[in-house]
Every structure is written in structure tokens, then in C-alpha cells.
Amino acid sequence: MAIKASSSGLDFSELHKRMQWYVDEEIIPCCNTLVLRGTEVIDVKTYGPLSHETGNVKDLPENAIVRMFSNTKLVTSLAAMILYEEGCFTLDDSLESFLPEFADMQVLKTDAREAGDTEPTGASITIRQIMSHSSGLSYAFVEPESLIDRTYTEAGVNPMAMEGKTLESLCAELGKLPLAFQPGTQWRYSLGTDVLARLIEVWSGQRFDAFLKQRIFVPLEMHDTDFFVPVEKQNRLTALYLPNDMLDVMASGYSLMDASAISASPTFLSGGGGLMSTLPDYLSFIQMLINDGSWNGTTFVKPETLKLMRTNQLAEGLGVNFPMWDITDTVFGLGFALKEQPAEGEPASAVGEYHWGGMVGTHSWMSPNAGTSGEGISGICMTQLMPAFWHPFSHDFKRLVYKITG
């Protein structure tokens, strides 16, 4: 079913022109954009083709299936908080009380030169730290030359190559590796949300994908969202591209990276980046978040639980930081990054925005204080380019939405 945009009296032509320019200049291969005022869609548009390959050049449909990568983390975090409300855990419970493989963890010394230069942790990892990326866990790709990420790679722990692993086996491997820092003392993007997915299995007694389907996807009618794409749906799968110039995000040109997806459920159900979805499906999820945890006749979490998720969980003085992306004035809640100051070109009302995105350019943000109506403004924009997280096209999208909606 097509997404219907209500008449708002606003002129989005400048936004449409700018997004089309990114596609025409071959900076990104395609994109879709959607704007909400409150839970009401007030603009939606697609740009470019589903694929640029010969014989498959057709316009990008609204229900194109895209690789969500780290937008998956929002879904996983919400799933965990459903179980939080059911009393399965508290945020200050230790990780090892549910996953004993994380007991007696070692942490790299500040002057460590090799993986064996460690000392005991001063305290156990907590669920709060797992959900806010302050546990001391890492990823193997964010800072590949660092000692911690080299240690992960040498141990065969790489989020881009999880074939044959399960959530359970990943946790067993992580429990043997050192932490990057003492839990709670820094922020570092990590495999923590994959650990959270395993926790959901332990708390619920269900496979992670079964829990998501039963408790989130079916009630929200997210019929195209899963960890794989059935054969009969692969004609709606977007192609994924690599930029020709990895050092210049505004350079023209890209080449095909992947035009396929697995057609059956994988063994590794990545809570950090494994979902495939569509704009209509993800819209339902975002509308539920905007609507204080309820949508489509179902209450998923209470408003106070969502408020907790949108509250900073980091120690004072800590913030979101990446070696390659400048994300200033941003802290982290339970699954969401939280904006504390407006970015350049954004209004003061952007403060309070909560957001996250995926590695290949799937972004979503919710700004409850923005707009002139008092209902808040939110946006979704998606492309399929590796990498395209924190890409200029998404910043232009957000800046123009703020400008147009006042």
C-alpha cells in the first residue's frame, strides 16, 4: 500500500531538487525521503532507480527492500525495553548475571602495546553500559588500526564476516577478549547491541528473530522486515554500491558491491545490523516511537520507558565520538543518540532530537521540539552506498526539512 502524504501547505520542492541533484550527480545511487509532523506523513518521495545495472533499471519503489545495518539497533533496543517493563532485568544488573561468559573480564592497560597487556576490570559490565556503548566492547572496523580492533580481527570477530556464528557463539568469543577501557569510562561504538540481542534470547526464551516478529513486526504490520529476503521479494531489493573515491564523499561515481541477499534465515541474527526492511515498514516503527510507544492498536512500551531511552546514560563529560565522523554535542541514551546543541544551519528547536543511522545511509531522526505546530518534526532518508553514514546528503535533508517546516 502506498504511503499517503497529507496536505501541509508546505513547499518541499527545494528538498526534492537537492536530493535529486545527489542522484543525478552520481554521488549516491538512489534515495527515498519522508517527513512527518507528529505521526502524520507530510512529504514522501523516491529518487533514482532500484538498480543501475543493465536490465534492471526501474524507478525506486516506495516498498524497495533496503539493508538497514545499524538502524537495526533501534529495533533491538526497543525489544529489550519491552522485556525491561516485564521485569526481566534492571539497567544496573551485571551482564555476567545473565551471560556468565562475561565474568572476570580483562581490560587493556592505558599503555598497552599488545593484547596481553591487561588488568582486571574494576567493576562488572552493566546492561545500561551495553545499551549505551560504554561497556568497553568494540567493533573491528571503526578504528581498524587500534590495538583493540586488531585484537578482534585476529580473533575472527568482525561484524562484516559473521558466517557460521550465532549470537551465543559471538558472546562466548567476546568474553575471552579484553575490553578497550574500564566499563562506563568512555563511549565506543561496539558489538554491544549484538550482545543485547543474545540477552533478549535469554530473557524471553525465544530466538531473537522470533521475538521480534511476535512482539514488534506482526503488531506493526512490518511484513517485509526480516534478516533475509525471500526469493519472491528479491525483485524489490535495492542494489548496494561502493563509491569510486572512498576519500571524497562528494565525488561522483560508484560501482556495484552487492545486488543480492540471502533468501533464508541466517545463523547469525545481528541485533546490531542484520535487518532488511522497507520505508513503509520502518515508518510504522518510527510512528510508534513518536506516539509514545503505541501504534496500530498496540502498546509496545510505556511513555516513561521511551523517555528513559531518550535520556543520557553516559557518565558526565562523555559523548559520542568516531575517529572518522565528527558528531559533536551528542550524548547517548538507550539505543538513541541525543542532540544537545543544534548543528550548523539548524534551529534551536533541534535540541532534543534523538536519532541513529546505518552504515550504508539509512537515517532516521525524531525532533519533538521542532516545527511550528508543537507536534514535532521527524525524518527518514535512505540510500544504499557503503559507506554513507553521516553523509552530506542526510545532513542536507535534515537541514532543509528544518528550514521548510519552520
Protein backbone atom coordinates (compact mmCIF):
# COMPACT_ATOMS: atom_id res chain seq x y z
CA MET A 1 0.00 0.00 0.00
CA ALA A 2 1.36 3.41 -0.98
CA ILE A 3 2.28 5.88 1.73
CA LYS A 4 -0.18 8.76 1.68
CA ALA A 5 1.14 12.24 2.45
CA SER A 6 -1.32 14.72 3.94
CA SER A 7 -1.58 18.23 2.57
CA SER A 8 0.51 20.50 4.76
CA GLY A 9 0.64 23.75 2.81
CA LEU A 10 4.44 23.47 2.84
CA ASP A 11 6.61 23.57 -0.26
CA PHE A 12 9.15 20.73 -0.29
CA SER A 13 10.38 21.43 -3.83
CA GLU A 14 13.77 22.71 -2.62
CA LEU A 15 14.30 19.48 -0.70
CA HIS A 16 13.26 17.35 -3.69
CA LYS A 17 15.55 19.27 -6.01
CA ARG A 18 18.55 18.85 -3.71
CA MET A 19 18.03 15.10 -3.23
CA GLN A 20 17.58 14.62 -6.98
CA TRP A 21 20.83 16.52 -7.51
CA TYR A 22 22.72 13.98 -5.36
CA VAL A 23 21.35 11.17 -7.54
CA ASP A 24 21.85 13.00 -10.86
CA GLU A 25 25.46 13.80 -9.94
CA GLU A 26 26.01 10.11 -9.12
CA ILE A 27 27.09 10.92 -5.57
CA ILE A 28 24.52 8.46 -4.25
CA PRO A 29 22.80 5.76 -6.35
CA CYS A 30 19.24 6.39 -5.15
CA CYS A 31 17.33 7.56 -2.10
CA ASN A 32 13.97 7.98 -0.51
CA THR A 33 12.88 10.75 1.84
CA LEU A 34 9.94 11.05 4.20
CA VAL A 35 8.90 13.84 6.57
CA LEU A 36 6.45 13.63 9.46
CA ARG A 37 4.68 16.29 11.50
CA GLY A 38 3.73 14.45 14.63
CA THR A 39 2.80 10.99 13.34
CA GLU A 40 1.38 12.39 10.09
CA VAL A 41 3.35 11.98 6.86
CA ILE A 42 3.54 15.37 5.12
CA ASP A 43 6.04 14.53 2.37
CA VAL A 44 7.38 11.36 0.77
CA LYS A 45 9.42 10.89 -2.40
CA THR A 46 11.80 8.44 -4.09
CA TYR A 47 14.75 9.32 -6.33
CA GLY A 48 16.72 7.21 -8.78
CA PRO A 49 16.42 3.55 -9.75
CA LEU A 50 16.25 0.32 -7.78
CA SER A 51 19.46 -0.69 -9.55
CA HIS A 52 21.74 0.88 -12.14
CA GLU A 53 22.67 -2.45 -13.67
CA THR A 54 21.71 -3.28 -17.26
CA GLY A 55 18.30 -4.93 -17.48
CA ASN A 56 17.17 -3.86 -14.01
CA VAL A 57 16.88 -0.09 -14.29
CA LYS A 58 13.48 0.79 -12.90
CA ASP A 59 12.33 3.54 -10.59
CA LEU A 60 12.92 3.01 -6.88
CA PRO A 61 9.55 1.92 -5.44
CA GLU A 62 8.37 3.08 -2.03
CA ASN A 63 8.47 -0.53 -0.83
CA ALA A 64 12.02 -1.21 -2.04
CA ILE A 65 13.83 -3.53 0.36
CA VAL A 66 16.95 -1.96 1.84
CA ARG A 67 19.77 -3.12 4.08
CA MET A 68 19.18 -1.29 7.36
CA PHE A 69 22.52 -2.02 9.03
CA SER A 70 22.64 -0.07 12.32
CA ASN A 71 19.05 1.13 12.20
CA THR A 72 18.58 -2.43 13.46
CA LYS A 73 19.95 -1.20 16.80
CA LEU A 74 16.85 0.92 17.41
CA VAL A 75 14.62 -2.11 16.96
CA THR A 76 16.80 -4.27 19.21
CA SER A 77 16.90 -1.61 21.92
CA LEU A 78 13.12 -1.23 21.86
CA ALA A 79 12.76 -5.02 22.06
CA ALA A 80 14.96 -5.08 25.16
CA MET A 81 12.87 -2.38 26.83
CA ILE A 82 9.71 -4.42 26.27
CA LEU A 83 11.36 -7.05 28.47
CA TYR A 84 12.59 -4.36 30.87
CA GLU A 85 8.97 -3.43 31.53
CA GLU A 86 8.21 -7.09 32.18
CA GLY A 87 10.82 -7.17 34.96
CA CYS A 88 13.38 -9.34 33.17
CA PHE A 89 16.26 -7.05 34.15
CA THR A 90 17.25 -3.69 35.57
CA LEU A 91 19.68 -1.36 33.86
CA ASP A 92 22.25 -1.79 36.62
CA ASP A 93 22.18 -5.58 36.58
CA SER A 94 25.54 -7.07 35.67
CA LEU A 95 25.95 -8.59 32.23
CA GLU A 96 27.58 -11.67 33.74
CA SER A 97 24.48 -12.45 35.82
CA PHE A 98 22.75 -13.39 32.56
CA LEU A 99 25.77 -14.29 30.41
CA PRO A 100 28.43 -15.89 32.66
CA GLU A 101 30.99 -15.78 29.85
CA PHE A 102 31.44 -12.07 30.63
CA ALA A 103 32.60 -12.70 34.22
CA ASP A 104 36.14 -11.76 35.24
CA MET A 105 36.77 -9.63 32.15
CA GLN A 106 40.20 -8.14 31.49
CA VAL A 107 40.77 -4.63 30.14
CA LEU A 108 43.66 -3.25 28.11
CA LYS A 109 46.04 -1.14 30.15
CA THR A 110 46.21 2.50 29.05
CA ASP A 111 49.74 1.96 27.76
CA ALA A 112 49.07 -1.50 26.28
CA ARG A 113 51.18 -2.43 23.26
CA GLU A 114 49.80 -5.92 22.72
CA ALA A 115 46.62 -7.81 23.52
CA GLY A 116 48.12 -9.44 26.60
CA ASP A 117 48.82 -6.11 28.34
CA THR A 118 45.70 -6.22 30.50
CA GLU A 119 44.42 -5.75 34.03
CA PRO A 120 41.17 -6.83 35.73
CA THR A 121 38.10 -4.67 35.35
CA GLY A 122 37.24 -2.59 38.38
CA ALA A 123 33.54 -3.47 38.07
CA SER A 124 31.24 -5.69 36.08
CA ILE A 125 29.69 -4.51 32.81
CA THR A 126 26.08 -3.40 33.31
CA ILE A 127 23.10 -3.64 30.94
CA ARG A 128 22.99 0.17 30.90
CA GLN A 129 26.55 0.23 29.55
CA ILE A 130 25.77 -2.42 26.93
CA MET A 131 22.85 -0.35 25.65
CA SER A 132 24.75 2.96 25.64
CA HIS A 133 28.03 1.73 24.08
CA SER A 134 30.04 2.44 27.21
CA SER A 135 30.81 -1.17 28.17
CA GLY A 136 34.37 -1.35 26.83
CA LEU A 137 33.40 -3.63 23.94
CA SER A 138 34.41 -2.58 20.43
CA TYR A 139 33.83 -3.19 16.72
CA ALA A 140 36.60 -4.43 14.45
CA PHE A 141 36.03 -1.88 11.67
CA VAL A 142 35.56 1.56 13.27
CA GLU A 143 39.24 2.04 14.13
CA PRO A 144 40.94 -0.92 12.41
CA GLU A 145 44.49 0.12 13.27
CA SER A 146 43.77 0.35 17.01
CA LEU A 147 45.02 -2.41 19.29
CA ILE A 148 41.53 -3.41 20.38
CA ASP A 149 40.17 -3.71 16.85
CA ARG A 150 43.24 -5.59 15.64
CA THR A 151 42.72 -7.97 18.56
CA TYR A 152 39.12 -8.53 17.48
CA THR A 153 40.12 -9.15 13.87
CA GLU A 154 42.89 -11.57 14.79
CA ALA A 155 40.38 -13.49 16.93
CA GLY A 156 37.99 -13.73 13.98
CA VAL A 157 35.45 -11.31 15.42
CA ASN A 158 34.39 -8.98 12.63
CA PRO A 159 30.80 -7.73 12.13
CA MET A 160 31.31 -7.82 8.35
CA ALA A 161 32.12 -11.55 8.42
CA MET A 162 29.88 -13.44 10.84
CA GLU A 163 29.15 -16.50 8.69
CA GLY A 164 28.82 -19.61 10.84
CA LYS A 165 28.49 -17.70 14.09
CA THR A 166 25.45 -17.39 16.32
CA LEU A 167 24.64 -14.77 18.94
CA GLU A 168 25.61 -17.33 21.57
CA SER A 169 28.96 -18.16 19.97
CA LEU A 170 29.77 -14.48 19.46
CA CYS A 171 29.27 -13.80 23.16
CA ALA A 172 31.49 -16.75 24.03
CA GLU A 173 34.24 -15.25 21.85
CA LEU A 174 33.81 -11.71 23.19
CA GLY A 175 34.09 -12.97 26.76
CA LYS A 176 37.63 -14.14 26.00
CA LEU A 177 38.79 -10.79 24.57
CA PRO A 178 39.95 -7.75 26.53
CA LEU A 179 37.84 -4.63 26.91
CA ALA A 180 39.04 -1.37 25.38
CA PHE A 181 38.56 0.53 28.66
CA GLN A 182 37.09 0.18 32.13
CA PRO A 183 33.30 -0.14 31.83
CA GLY A 184 31.50 3.20 31.96
CA THR A 185 34.55 5.40 31.47
CA GLN A 186 34.33 6.05 27.70
CA TRP A 187 31.97 5.81 24.72
CA ARG A 188 32.93 3.44 21.92
CA TYR A 189 30.68 2.07 19.20
CA SER A 190 30.56 -1.67 19.63
CA LEU A 191 29.05 -5.10 19.24
CA GLY A 192 27.11 -4.37 22.42
CA THR A 193 23.77 -4.42 20.61
CA ASP A 194 24.52 -7.91 19.30
CA VAL A 195 25.17 -8.91 22.90
CA LEU A 196 21.83 -7.29 23.74
CA ALA A 197 20.17 -9.48 21.10
CA ARG A 198 21.57 -12.56 22.86
CA LEU A 199 20.27 -11.21 26.17
CA ILE A 200 16.81 -10.91 24.61
CA GLU A 201 17.00 -14.60 23.75
CA VAL A 202 17.96 -15.46 27.35
CA TRP A 203 15.29 -13.23 28.90
CA SER A 204 12.48 -14.26 26.54
CA GLY A 205 13.33 -17.90 25.92
CA GLN A 206 12.84 -17.30 22.19
CA ARG A 207 15.14 -16.97 19.21
CA PHE A 208 15.83 -13.31 18.60
CA ASP A 209 14.07 -13.20 15.24
CA ALA A 210 11.00 -14.97 16.63
CA PHE A 211 10.73 -12.45 19.46
CA LEU A 212 11.00 -9.50 17.07
CA LYS A 213 8.37 -10.96 14.78
CA GLN A 214 5.90 -11.75 17.54
CA ARG A 215 6.31 -8.64 19.66
CA ILE A 216 7.13 -5.92 17.10
CA PHE A 217 6.88 -6.81 13.40
CA VAL A 218 3.47 -8.53 13.33
CA PRO A 219 1.69 -5.94 15.53
CA LEU A 220 3.19 -3.09 13.46
CA GLU A 221 2.40 -4.90 10.18
CA MET A 222 6.08 -4.80 9.20
CA HIS A 223 5.61 -7.67 6.75
CA ASP A 224 8.81 -7.08 4.74
CA THR A 225 11.22 -6.77 7.69
CA ASP A 226 13.47 -9.71 8.50
CA PHE A 227 17.07 -10.94 8.48
CA PHE A 228 16.72 -12.28 4.94
CA VAL A 229 14.79 -11.59 1.73
CA PRO A 230 12.62 -14.42 0.36
CA VAL A 231 13.16 -15.26 -3.28
CA GLU A 232 9.75 -13.91 -4.26
CA LYS A 233 10.63 -10.48 -2.82
CA GLN A 234 14.12 -10.08 -4.25
CA ASN A 235 12.80 -8.18 -7.26
CA ARG A 236 12.29 -5.30 -4.79
CA LEU A 237 15.81 -5.48 -3.33
CA THR A 238 17.95 -2.40 -3.89
CA ALA A 239 21.48 -2.80 -5.21
CA LEU A 240 24.32 -1.75 -2.89
CA TYR A 241 27.21 0.31 -4.26
CA LEU A 242 30.77 1.31 -3.35
CA PRO A 243 31.97 4.87 -4.10
CA ASN A 244 34.80 5.06 -6.59
CA ASP A 245 36.62 7.53 -4.34
CA MET A 246 36.46 6.40 -0.71
CA LEU A 247 38.24 9.55 0.47
CA ASP A 248 35.85 12.07 -1.09
CA VAL A 249 32.21 11.60 -0.09
CA MET A 250 31.08 14.20 -2.65
CA ALA A 251 32.88 12.63 -5.62
CA SER A 252 30.79 11.24 -8.46
CA GLY A 253 30.76 7.59 -9.36
CA TYR A 254 30.25 4.22 -7.73
CA SER A 255 30.41 0.54 -8.62
CA LEU A 256 28.22 -2.40 -7.74
CA MET A 257 29.03 -4.05 -4.42
CA ASP A 258 26.07 -6.40 -3.98
CA ALA A 259 22.77 -6.98 -5.75
CA SER A 260 21.60 -9.99 -3.79
CA ALA A 261 20.60 -11.08 -0.31
CA ILE A 262 20.32 -14.42 1.44
CA SER A 263 16.91 -16.00 0.93
CA ALA A 264 16.64 -17.95 4.19
CA SER A 265 17.16 -17.16 7.85
CA PRO A 266 20.88 -16.91 8.71
CA THR A 267 22.51 -18.49 11.75
CA PHE A 268 23.75 -15.09 12.92
CA LEU A 269 20.84 -12.77 13.75
CA SER A 270 22.66 -9.48 14.17
CA GLY A 271 20.91 -7.19 16.61
CA GLY A 272 23.39 -4.52 15.64
CA GLY A 273 22.95 -4.54 11.89
CA GLY A 274 21.17 -7.51 10.35
CA LEU A 275 17.70 -6.35 9.36
CA MET A 276 16.33 -5.80 5.89
CA SER A 277 13.28 -3.53 5.70
CA THR A 278 11.28 -1.05 3.64
CA LEU A 279 10.26 2.57 4.02
CA PRO A 280 6.59 1.69 4.83
CA ASP A 281 7.67 -0.88 7.44
CA TYR A 282 10.20 1.39 9.09
CA LEU A 283 7.69 4.25 9.02
CA SER A 284 5.37 2.19 11.24
CA PHE A 285 8.19 1.65 13.72
CA ILE A 286 9.07 5.36 13.79
CA GLN A 287 5.41 6.37 14.18
CA MET A 288 5.22 4.10 17.21
CA LEU A 289 8.24 5.82 18.76
CA ILE A 290 6.80 9.28 18.07
CA ASN A 291 3.46 8.19 19.52
CA ASP A 292 4.98 7.40 22.93
CA GLY A 293 5.30 3.67 22.38
CA SER A 294 1.85 2.85 20.98
CA TRP A 295 0.71 2.31 17.39
CA ASN A 296 -1.74 0.28 15.36
CA GLY A 297 -3.82 -0.54 18.45
CA THR A 298 -0.89 -1.97 20.42
CA THR A 299 1.17 -0.53 23.28
CA PHE A 300 4.75 -1.71 22.98
CA VAL A 301 6.31 0.28 25.82
CA LYS A 302 5.05 2.97 28.18
CA PRO A 303 5.78 6.69 27.54
CA GLU A 304 8.05 6.79 30.60
CA THR A 305 10.11 3.93 29.17
CA LEU A 306 10.66 5.82 25.92
CA LYS A 307 11.55 8.90 27.95
CA LEU A 308 14.20 6.83 29.72
CA MET A 309 15.54 5.65 26.35
CA ARG A 310 15.83 9.30 25.28
CA THR A 311 17.74 10.27 28.45
CA ASN A 312 21.53 10.43 28.53
CA GLN A 313 23.02 7.29 30.10
CA LEU A 314 26.70 8.25 29.85
CA ALA A 315 28.90 9.49 32.65
CA GLU A 316 29.35 13.25 32.86
CA GLY A 317 31.74 14.58 30.24
CA LEU A 318 31.35 11.65 27.84
CA GLY A 319 29.86 11.95 24.38
CA VAL A 320 29.52 10.18 21.05
CA ASN A 321 32.76 10.14 19.09
CA PHE A 322 34.09 8.42 16.00
CA PRO A 323 37.59 8.72 14.53
CA MET A 324 36.14 9.39 11.06
CA TRP A 325 32.86 11.24 11.75
CA ASP A 326 32.53 14.46 13.72
CA ILE A 327 29.43 14.04 15.88
CA THR A 328 29.74 16.91 18.35
CA ASP A 329 27.37 17.93 21.16
CA THR A 330 25.84 14.46 21.21
CA VAL A 331 25.34 12.03 24.07
CA PHE A 332 23.72 8.60 24.13
CA GLY A 333 20.65 7.08 25.72
CA LEU A 334 19.37 3.52 25.42
CA GLY A 335 19.70 2.94 21.68
CA PHE A 336 19.45 6.59 20.59
CA ALA A 337 21.98 9.36 20.07
CA LEU A 338 20.74 12.58 21.69
CA LYS A 339 21.45 16.06 20.31
CA GLU A 340 22.43 18.67 22.91
CA GLN A 341 23.20 21.56 20.53
CA PRO A 342 21.88 22.31 17.02
CA ALA A 343 24.20 21.60 14.11
CA GLU A 344 25.15 24.33 11.64
CA GLY A 345 22.08 25.55 9.79
CA GLU A 346 19.65 24.00 12.26
CA PRO A 347 17.25 25.84 14.59
CA ALA A 348 17.50 25.86 18.38
CA SER A 349 14.44 23.60 18.42
CA ALA A 350 16.62 20.77 17.07
CA VAL A 351 17.91 20.27 20.62
CA GLY A 352 16.30 17.12 21.98
CA GLU A 353 16.43 15.33 18.65
CA TYR A 354 17.04 11.60 19.01
CA HIS A 355 18.43 9.61 16.12
CA TRP A 356 20.66 6.96 14.60
CA GLY A 357 21.51 5.58 11.18
CA GLY A 358 23.04 2.73 9.25
CA MET A 359 26.42 2.29 7.61
CA VAL A 360 25.06 2.40 4.05
CA GLY A 361 22.99 5.56 4.52
CA THR A 362 19.70 4.70 6.24
CA HIS A 363 18.97 7.56 8.62
CA SER A 364 16.09 8.42 10.92
CA TRP A 365 15.64 11.25 13.39
CA MET A 366 12.84 12.46 15.62
CA SER A 367 12.75 16.05 16.84
CA PRO A 368 9.92 16.59 19.34
CA ASN A 369 10.57 20.33 19.79
CA ALA A 370 10.79 21.26 16.09
CA GLY A 371 8.16 22.76 13.79
CA THR A 372 5.56 25.44 14.32
CA SER A 373 2.64 23.18 15.25
CA GLY A 374 4.03 21.84 18.52
CA GLU A 375 3.72 18.24 17.31
CA GLY A 376 7.40 17.78 16.42
CA ILE A 377 9.12 17.01 13.13
CA SER A 378 10.76 13.74 12.12
CA GLY A 379 12.53 12.47 9.03
CA ILE A 380 13.68 9.32 7.29
CA CYS A 381 16.12 9.22 4.37
CA MET A 382 17.72 6.12 2.89
CA THR A 383 20.29 5.27 0.27
CA GLN A 384 22.46 2.18 -0.37
CA LEU A 385 26.11 3.22 -0.54
CA MET A 386 28.94 1.72 1.51
CA PRO A 387 29.72 3.81 3.48
CA ALA A 388 27.14 6.59 3.75
CA PHE A 389 26.61 7.05 7.48
CA TRP A 390 26.83 10.75 8.39
CA HIS A 391 26.85 11.54 4.67
CA PRO A 392 26.24 15.11 3.39
CA PHE A 393 23.03 14.04 1.64
CA SER A 394 21.49 13.17 5.02
CA HIS A 395 22.65 16.44 6.59
CA ASP A 396 21.21 18.42 3.68
CA PHE A 397 17.96 16.51 4.04
CA LYS A 398 17.67 17.33 7.73
CA ARG A 399 18.71 20.97 7.32
CA LEU A 400 16.17 21.55 4.56
CA VAL A 401 13.38 19.82 6.48
CA TYR A 402 14.04 22.10 9.45
CA LYS A 403 14.08 25.12 7.15
CA ILE A 404 10.84 24.20 5.36
CA THR A 405 8.89 23.22 8.48
CA GLY A 406 9.99 26.26 10.49
